[in-house]
Amino acid sequence: MSAILKGSIGYIPPEYGMGGQPSTLGDIYSYGILLLEIFTRKKPTDEMFEGDMGTHKLTSMALPNRVMDIIDPSLLSEQEYDDIDHEISINETSIRRRDMEYNVHVMMEDWLVSVLQIGVSCSSTSPSERIPMPVVVNKLQAIKNSYLRFNNLQ
């Protein structure tokens, strides 16, 4: 009797290919890969990946200092910067505007690093190293709250 492995290539956790039983840890792996795909716009089966390179490894290698190199550019809307410019009065100096733009950029990078670290943790090849979903939810909620607080200060 042969077992059929169901799922999409790249989203199936490695342990399933070695006879591991489906579990919530496998679901966490798939969620992590999907989260990384959303922010990098790279599918695990993207033709750019060769050998053992994939979305997980690409992201792991980029974190934290080169996160902006792998982020999908369409996520980085110039509208956020434009909104800040409209809120700054004409009497304020260009230094203040530049400082605000810098702060937005730094904060955005911090949020992206945090989200991608969650994706990397979820998609660890070792099931025991994957973070539980309640922790994932709490971390994502904290990132969202930080983002909303920052935007309310603008």
N, C-alpha and C. Protein backbone atom coordinates (compact mmCIF):
# COMPACT_ATOMS: atom_id res chain seq x y z
N MET A 1 0.84 -1.18 0.00
CA MET A 1 0.00 0.00 0.00
C MET A 1 0.89 1.24 0.00
N SER A 2 0.54 2.20 -0.80
CA SER A 2 1.33 3.43 -0.86
C SER A 2 0.52 4.59 -0.30
N ALA A 3 1.23 5.52 0.30
CA ALA A 3 0.58 6.71 0.85
C ALA A 3 0.68 7.83 -0.17
N ILE A 4 -0.36 8.59 -0.27
CA ILE A 4 -0.37 9.74 -1.18
C ILE A 4 -0.21 10.99 -0.34
N LEU A 5 0.76 11.78 -0.71
CA LEU A 5 1.03 13.04 -0.02
C LEU A 5 0.22 14.13 -0.71
N LYS A 6 -0.73 14.70 0.04
CA LYS A 6 -1.57 15.74 -0.54
C LYS A 6 -1.11 17.10 -0.04
N GLY A 7 -1.17 18.04 -0.95
CA GLY A 7 -0.79 19.41 -0.62
C GLY A 7 -0.06 20.03 -1.78
N SER A 8 0.26 21.27 -1.63
CA SER A 8 0.95 21.99 -2.70
C SER A 8 2.44 21.99 -2.44
N ILE A 9 3.21 21.76 -3.50
CA ILE A 9 4.67 21.74 -3.38
C ILE A 9 5.15 23.08 -2.83
N GLY A 10 6.01 23.01 -1.86
CA GLY A 10 6.56 24.22 -1.25
C GLY A 10 5.86 24.61 0.03
N TYR A 11 4.62 24.18 0.17
CA TYR A 11 3.84 24.51 1.37
C TYR A 11 3.74 23.31 2.32
N ILE A 12 4.11 22.15 1.82
CA ILE A 12 4.07 20.93 2.63
C ILE A 12 5.31 20.91 3.52
N PRO A 13 5.14 20.70 4.82
CA PRO A 13 6.31 20.67 5.70
C PRO A 13 7.21 19.49 5.38
N PRO A 14 8.51 19.65 5.60
CA PRO A 14 9.46 18.59 5.25
C PRO A 14 9.18 17.25 5.92
N GLU A 15 8.65 17.28 7.13
CA GLU A 15 8.43 16.02 7.85
C GLU A 15 7.37 15.15 7.19
N TYR A 16 6.47 15.75 6.42
CA TYR A 16 5.45 14.95 5.73
C TYR A 16 6.09 14.07 4.66
N GLY A 17 7.14 14.56 4.03
CA GLY A 17 7.84 13.79 3.02
C GLY A 17 8.64 12.64 3.61
N MET A 18 8.85 12.68 4.92
CA MET A 18 9.60 11.63 5.61
C MET A 18 8.67 10.75 6.43
N GLY A 19 7.41 10.73 6.07
CA GLY A 19 6.46 9.85 6.75
C GLY A 19 5.79 10.46 7.97
N GLY A 20 6.03 11.72 8.24
CA GLY A 20 5.39 12.37 9.37
C GLY A 20 3.89 12.49 9.17
N GLN A 21 3.18 12.46 10.26
CA GLN A 21 1.72 12.55 10.22
C GLN A 21 1.27 14.01 10.17
N PRO A 22 0.20 14.28 9.45
CA PRO A 22 -0.35 15.65 9.45
C PRO A 22 -0.64 16.13 10.87
N SER A 23 -0.32 17.38 11.12
CA SER A 23 -0.52 17.94 12.46
C SER A 23 -0.67 19.46 12.35
N THR A 24 -1.00 20.05 13.47
CA THR A 24 -1.09 21.52 13.50
C THR A 24 0.27 22.15 13.26
N LEU A 25 1.35 21.45 13.63
CA LEU A 25 2.69 21.98 13.36
C LEU A 25 2.95 22.07 11.86
N GLY A 26 2.38 21.14 11.11
CA GLY A 26 2.47 21.21 9.65
C GLY A 26 1.69 22.39 9.10
N ASP A 27 0.55 22.66 9.71
CA ASP A 27 -0.25 23.82 9.31
C ASP A 27 0.50 25.12 9.59
N ILE A 28 1.20 25.15 10.71
CA ILE A 28 1.99 26.34 11.07
C ILE A 28 3.08 26.56 10.03
N TYR A 29 3.72 25.47 9.59
CA TYR A 29 4.74 25.57 8.55
C TYR A 29 4.15 26.21 7.29
N SER A 30 3.03 25.69 6.85
CA SER A 30 2.38 26.20 5.64
C SER A 30 2.00 27.67 5.80
N TYR A 31 1.50 28.03 6.97
CA TYR A 31 1.15 29.42 7.24
C TYR A 31 2.39 30.31 7.14
N GLY A 32 3.50 29.85 7.70
CA GLY A 32 4.74 30.62 7.65
C GLY A 32 5.20 30.86 6.23
N ILE A 33 5.15 29.82 5.40
CA ILE A 33 5.54 29.96 3.99
C ILE A 33 4.62 30.95 3.29
N LEU A 34 3.33 30.85 3.56
CA LEU A 34 2.37 31.77 2.95
C LEU A 34 2.62 33.21 3.38
N LEU A 35 2.91 33.41 4.66
CA LEU A 35 3.21 34.75 5.17
C LEU A 35 4.44 35.33 4.46
N LEU A 36 5.47 34.52 4.30
CA LEU A 36 6.68 34.97 3.60
C LEU A 36 6.37 35.30 2.14
N GLU A 37 5.55 34.47 1.52
CA GLU A 37 5.18 34.70 0.12
C GLU A 37 4.43 36.02 -0.04
N ILE A 38 3.53 36.31 0.87
CA ILE A 38 2.74 37.54 0.79
C ILE A 38 3.66 38.77 0.80
N PHE A 39 4.67 38.76 1.64
CA PHE A 39 5.52 39.94 1.79
C PHE A 39 6.69 39.99 0.81
N THR A 40 7.10 38.84 0.27
CA THR A 40 8.21 38.84 -0.68
C THR A 40 7.74 38.71 -2.13
N ARG A 41 6.52 38.25 -2.30
CA ARG A 41 5.94 37.96 -3.62
C ARG A 41 6.75 36.89 -4.35
N LYS A 42 7.31 35.98 -3.56
CA LYS A 42 8.05 34.86 -4.11
C LYS A 42 7.39 33.57 -3.64
N LYS A 43 6.90 32.80 -4.60
CA LYS A 43 6.33 31.49 -4.27
C LYS A 43 7.47 30.54 -3.93
N PRO A 44 7.19 29.53 -3.12
CA PRO A 44 8.25 28.57 -2.79
C PRO A 44 8.79 27.83 -4.02
N THR A 45 8.00 27.81 -5.08
CA THR A 45 8.42 27.13 -6.31
C THR A 45 8.93 28.11 -7.37
N ASP A 46 9.20 29.35 -6.98
CA ASP A 46 9.68 30.36 -7.93
C ASP A 46 10.92 29.84 -8.64
N GLU A 47 11.00 30.10 -9.93
CA GLU A 47 12.11 29.59 -10.73
C GLU A 47 13.46 30.19 -10.34
N MET A 48 13.45 31.27 -9.56
CA MET A 48 14.72 31.85 -9.11
C MET A 48 15.42 30.97 -8.08
N PHE A 49 14.65 30.09 -7.42
CA PHE A 49 15.22 29.24 -6.38
C PHE A 49 15.83 27.98 -6.97
N GLU A 50 17.05 27.69 -6.54
CA GLU A 50 17.74 26.47 -6.97
C GLU A 50 18.25 25.74 -5.74
N GLY A 51 18.37 24.44 -5.86
CA GLY A 51 18.88 23.64 -4.75
C GLY A 51 17.98 23.75 -3.54
N ASP A 52 18.60 24.00 -2.39
CA ASP A 52 17.80 24.11 -1.16
C ASP A 52 17.34 25.54 -0.87
N MET A 53 17.60 26.43 -1.81
CA MET A 53 17.14 27.82 -1.64
C MET A 53 15.63 27.87 -1.83
N GLY A 54 14.98 28.63 -1.00
CA GLY A 54 13.53 28.80 -1.08
C GLY A 54 13.14 30.07 -0.36
N THR A 55 11.86 30.27 -0.21
CA THR A 55 11.35 31.48 0.43
C THR A 55 11.88 31.61 1.85
N HIS A 56 11.87 30.49 2.59
CA HIS A 56 12.34 30.50 3.98
C HIS A 56 13.81 30.91 4.05
N LYS A 57 14.64 30.26 3.27
CA LYS A 57 16.08 30.53 3.32
C LYS A 57 16.40 31.94 2.82
N LEU A 58 15.75 32.37 1.75
CA LEU A 58 15.94 33.72 1.23
C LEU A 58 15.66 34.76 2.31
N THR A 59 14.55 34.58 3.00
CA THR A 59 14.15 35.53 4.04
C THR A 59 15.10 35.46 5.23
N SER A 60 15.45 34.25 5.64
CA SER A 60 16.38 34.08 6.77
C SER A 60 17.70 34.79 6.51
N MET A 61 18.19 34.68 5.29
CA MET A 61 19.47 35.30 4.95
C MET A 61 19.36 36.83 4.90
N ALA A 62 18.20 37.35 4.59
CA ALA A 62 18.02 38.80 4.47
C ALA A 62 17.76 39.48 5.81
N LEU A 63 17.26 38.73 6.78
CA LEU A 63 16.91 39.34 8.06
C LEU A 63 18.14 39.56 8.93
N PRO A 64 18.16 40.67 9.66
CA PRO A 64 17.25 41.80 9.62
C PRO A 64 17.72 42.95 8.73
N ASN A 65 18.99 42.93 8.37
CA ASN A 65 19.58 44.12 7.74
C ASN A 65 19.24 44.34 6.28
N ARG A 66 18.81 43.30 5.58
CA ARG A 66 18.54 43.46 4.15
C ARG A 66 17.08 43.17 3.81
N VAL A 67 16.21 43.40 4.77
CA VAL A 67 14.80 43.09 4.59
C VAL A 67 14.19 43.86 3.42
N MET A 68 14.60 45.09 3.22
CA MET A 68 14.01 45.89 2.15
C MET A 68 14.40 45.38 0.77
N ASP A 69 15.46 44.57 0.70
CA ASP A 69 15.88 43.99 -0.58
C ASP A 69 14.95 42.88 -1.06
N ILE A 70 14.21 42.27 -0.14
CA ILE A 70 13.37 41.13 -0.52
C ILE A 70 11.88 41.43 -0.46
N ILE A 71 11.51 42.57 0.09
CA ILE A 71 10.09 42.93 0.21
C ILE A 71 9.53 43.25 -1.17
N ASP A 72 8.30 42.82 -1.40
CA ASP A 72 7.59 43.15 -2.64
C ASP A 72 7.45 44.67 -2.72
N PRO A 73 8.03 45.30 -3.73
CA PRO A 73 7.98 46.77 -3.83
C PRO A 73 6.56 47.34 -3.87
N SER A 74 5.61 46.57 -4.35
CA SER A 74 4.24 47.10 -4.42
C SER A 74 3.63 47.29 -3.03
N LEU A 75 4.24 46.70 -2.00
CA LEU A 75 3.75 46.91 -0.63
C LEU A 75 4.20 48.24 -0.06
N LEU A 76 5.22 48.81 -0.64
CA LEU A 76 5.81 50.04 -0.12
C LEU A 76 5.27 51.23 -0.88
N SER A 77 4.05 51.56 -0.58
CA SER A 77 3.36 52.64 -1.27
C SER A 77 3.95 53.99 -0.90
N GLU A 78 4.15 54.81 -1.90
CA GLU A 78 4.61 56.17 -1.66
C GLU A 78 3.51 57.01 -1.01
N GLN A 79 2.28 56.53 -1.02
CA GLN A 79 1.16 57.26 -0.44
C GLN A 79 1.41 57.56 1.03
N GLU A 80 2.05 56.61 1.75
CA GLU A 80 2.31 56.83 3.16
C GLU A 80 3.18 58.06 3.36
N TYR A 81 4.19 58.21 2.51
CA TYR A 81 5.06 59.37 2.61
C TYR A 81 4.33 60.63 2.17
N ASP A 82 3.49 60.54 1.16
CA ASP A 82 2.73 61.69 0.68
C ASP A 82 1.78 62.19 1.76
N ASP A 83 1.13 61.27 2.48
CA ASP A 83 0.21 61.67 3.54
C ASP A 83 0.93 62.49 4.61
N ILE A 84 2.15 62.11 4.93
CA ILE A 84 2.91 62.84 5.93
C ILE A 84 3.21 64.25 5.44
N ASP A 85 3.60 64.38 4.18
CA ASP A 85 3.91 65.70 3.63
C ASP A 85 2.71 66.63 3.73
N HIS A 86 1.51 66.13 3.52
CA HIS A 86 0.31 66.97 3.57
C HIS A 86 0.00 67.41 5.00
N GLU A 87 0.42 66.64 5.98
CA GLU A 87 0.11 66.98 7.36
C GLU A 87 1.08 67.98 7.95
N ILE A 88 2.21 68.19 7.30
CA ILE A 88 3.21 69.11 7.81
C ILE A 88 2.91 70.51 7.28
N SER A 89 2.84 71.45 8.19
CA SER A 89 2.52 72.82 7.76
C SER A 89 3.68 73.42 6.97
N ILE A 90 3.36 74.40 6.16
CA ILE A 90 4.36 75.04 5.30
C ILE A 90 5.43 75.74 6.13
N ASN A 91 5.10 76.18 7.34
CA ASN A 91 6.04 76.91 8.18
C ASN A 91 7.10 76.02 8.81
N GLU A 92 6.88 74.73 8.82
CA GLU A 92 7.87 73.84 9.44
C GLU A 92 9.05 73.65 8.50
N THR A 93 10.18 73.36 9.09
CA THR A 93 11.41 73.24 8.29
C THR A 93 11.46 71.92 7.55
N SER A 94 12.29 71.90 6.52
CA SER A 94 12.46 70.66 5.75
C SER A 94 13.16 69.59 6.59
N ILE A 95 13.91 70.01 7.60
CA ILE A 95 14.57 69.04 8.47
C ILE A 95 13.52 68.22 9.21
N ARG A 96 12.49 68.87 9.71
CA ARG A 96 11.43 68.14 10.41
C ARG A 96 10.75 67.15 9.47
N ARG A 97 10.48 67.55 8.26
CA ARG A 97 9.85 66.66 7.28
C ARG A 97 10.75 65.46 7.00
N ARG A 98 12.04 65.73 6.83
CA ARG A 98 12.98 64.65 6.56
C ARG A 98 13.05 63.69 7.75
N ASP A 99 13.03 64.24 8.97
CA ASP A 99 13.05 63.40 10.17
C ASP A 99 11.81 62.52 10.23
N MET A 100 10.66 63.08 9.91
CA MET A 100 9.42 62.30 9.94
C MET A 100 9.45 61.19 8.89
N GLU A 101 9.94 61.52 7.70
CA GLU A 101 10.03 60.50 6.65
C GLU A 101 10.99 59.39 7.06
N TYR A 102 12.09 59.78 7.70
CA TYR A 102 13.05 58.80 8.19
C TYR A 102 12.40 57.90 9.23
N ASN A 103 11.67 58.50 10.17
CA ASN A 103 11.00 57.72 11.21
C ASN A 103 10.00 56.73 10.62
N VAL A 104 9.24 57.17 9.63
CA VAL A 104 8.28 56.27 8.98
C VAL A 104 9.02 55.11 8.33
N HIS A 105 10.11 55.41 7.65
CA HIS A 105 10.89 54.36 6.98
C HIS A 105 11.45 53.37 8.00
N VAL A 106 12.01 53.88 9.09
CA VAL A 106 12.58 53.01 10.12
C VAL A 106 11.50 52.15 10.76
N MET A 107 10.38 52.75 11.09
CA MET A 107 9.29 51.99 11.70
C MET A 107 8.75 50.94 10.74
N MET A 108 8.57 51.30 9.48
CA MET A 108 8.08 50.35 8.48
C MET A 108 9.03 49.16 8.37
N GLU A 109 10.31 49.45 8.35
CA GLU A 109 11.30 48.37 8.27
C GLU A 109 11.22 47.48 9.51
N ASP A 110 11.07 48.08 10.68
CA ASP A 110 10.94 47.29 11.92
C ASP A 110 9.71 46.38 11.88
N TRP A 111 8.58 46.91 11.41
CA TRP A 111 7.36 46.10 11.33
C TRP A 111 7.55 44.95 10.35
N LEU A 112 8.17 45.24 9.21
CA LEU A 112 8.39 44.19 8.20
C LEU A 112 9.33 43.11 8.73
N VAL A 113 10.40 43.53 9.41
CA VAL A 113 11.32 42.55 10.00
C VAL A 113 10.56 41.66 10.98
N SER A 114 9.74 42.27 11.82
CA SER A 114 8.98 41.50 12.82
C SER A 114 8.05 40.49 12.17
N VAL A 115 7.33 40.91 11.14
CA VAL A 115 6.41 40.00 10.45
C VAL A 115 7.18 38.87 9.78
N LEU A 116 8.27 39.20 9.12
CA LEU A 116 9.04 38.16 8.42
C LEU A 116 9.72 37.21 9.40
N GLN A 117 10.11 37.71 10.57
CA GLN A 117 10.67 36.81 11.59
C GLN A 117 9.63 35.80 12.05
N ILE A 118 8.39 36.23 12.13
CA ILE A 118 7.31 35.30 12.46
C ILE A 118 7.19 34.24 11.36
N GLY A 119 7.20 34.67 10.11
CA GLY A 119 7.12 33.74 8.99
C GLY A 119 8.26 32.73 8.99
N VAL A 120 9.46 33.21 9.29
CA VAL A 120 10.63 32.32 9.35
C VAL A 120 10.49 31.34 10.50
N SER A 121 10.04 31.82 11.66
CA SER A 121 9.86 30.93 12.81
C SER A 121 8.80 29.86 12.53
N CYS A 122 7.72 30.27 11.89
CA CYS A 122 6.66 29.31 11.57
C CYS A 122 7.13 28.26 10.56
N SER A 123 7.98 28.65 9.63
CA SER A 123 8.39 27.74 8.56
C SER A 123 9.74 27.07 8.83
N SER A 124 10.10 26.97 10.08
CA SER A 124 11.32 26.25 10.45
C SER A 124 11.21 24.80 9.99
N THR A 125 12.32 24.23 9.53
CA THR A 125 12.29 22.84 9.09
C THR A 125 12.06 21.88 10.25
N SER A 126 12.39 22.31 11.45
CA SER A 126 12.17 21.48 12.63
C SER A 126 10.82 21.82 13.27
N PRO A 127 9.90 20.87 13.32
CA PRO A 127 8.59 21.15 13.91
C PRO A 127 8.66 21.69 15.34
N SER A 128 9.63 21.23 16.11
CA SER A 128 9.72 21.67 17.51
C SER A 128 10.16 23.13 17.63
N GLU A 129 10.72 23.69 16.56
CA GLU A 129 11.15 25.09 16.59
C GLU A 129 10.07 26.06 16.10
N ARG A 130 8.96 25.54 15.61
CA ARG A 130 7.89 26.41 15.11
C ARG A 130 7.12 27.00 16.29
N ILE A 131 6.79 28.27 16.16
CA ILE A 131 6.07 28.91 17.26
C ILE A 131 4.58 28.57 17.17
N PRO A 132 3.95 28.38 18.33
CA PRO A 132 2.52 28.04 18.34
C PRO A 132 1.67 29.20 17.80
N MET A 133 0.54 28.84 17.20
CA MET A 133 -0.33 29.86 16.59
C MET A 133 -0.82 30.92 17.58
N PRO A 134 -1.14 30.58 18.83
CA PRO A 134 -1.54 31.67 19.74
C PRO A 134 -0.42 32.72 19.91
N VAL A 135 0.82 32.28 19.88
CA VAL A 135 1.95 33.22 19.97
C VAL A 135 2.04 34.04 18.69
N VAL A 136 1.83 33.39 17.55
CA VAL A 136 1.83 34.09 16.26
C VAL A 136 0.77 35.19 16.26
N VAL A 137 -0.43 34.85 16.70
CA VAL A 137 -1.53 35.82 16.73
C VAL A 137 -1.18 36.99 17.64
N ASN A 138 -0.63 36.71 18.82
CA ASN A 138 -0.26 37.78 19.75
C ASN A 138 0.80 38.69 19.16
N LYS A 139 1.80 38.09 18.50
CA LYS A 139 2.87 38.90 17.90
C LYS A 139 2.34 39.76 16.76
N LEU A 140 1.51 39.18 15.90
CA LEU A 140 0.94 39.95 14.79
C LEU A 140 0.04 41.07 15.30
N GLN A 141 -0.71 40.78 16.36
CA GLN A 141 -1.58 41.81 16.96
C GLN A 141 -0.73 42.95 17.52
N ALA A 142 0.39 42.62 18.15
CA ALA A 142 1.28 43.65 18.70
C ALA A 142 1.87 44.52 17.59
N ILE A 143 2.23 43.90 16.46
CA ILE A 143 2.75 44.66 15.32
C ILE A 143 1.66 45.59 14.79
N LYS A 144 0.46 45.07 14.65
CA LYS A 144 -0.67 45.89 14.18
C LYS A 144 -0.92 47.06 15.12
N ASN A 145 -0.93 46.80 16.42
CA ASN A 145 -1.17 47.86 17.41
C ASN A 145 -0.08 48.92 17.35
N SER A 146 1.16 48.50 17.18
CA SER A 146 2.27 49.44 17.06
C SER A 146 2.08 50.32 15.82
N TYR A 147 1.70 49.70 14.73
CA TYR A 147 1.45 50.43 13.48
C TYR A 147 0.33 51.46 13.66
N LEU A 148 -0.76 51.05 14.28
CA LEU A 148 -1.90 51.95 14.48
C LEU A 148 -1.53 53.10 15.42
N ARG A 149 -0.79 52.80 16.51
CA ARG A 149 -0.36 53.86 17.43
C ARG A 149 0.53 54.87 16.71
N PHE A 150 1.46 54.36 15.91
CA PHE A 150 2.36 55.24 15.18
C PHE A 150 1.59 56.14 14.22
N ASN A 151 0.64 55.58 13.51
CA ASN A 151 -0.15 56.37 12.56
C ASN A 151 -1.02 57.40 13.26
N ASN A 152 -1.47 57.11 14.47
CA ASN A 152 -2.27 58.08 15.22
C ASN A 152 -1.42 59.25 15.71
N LEU A 153 -0.10 59.02 15.84
CA LEU A 153 0.80 60.10 16.27
C LEU A 153 1.13 61.04 15.13
N GLN A 154 0.95 60.58 13.92
CA GLN A 154 1.33 61.38 12.74
C GLN A 154 0.37 62.54 12.54
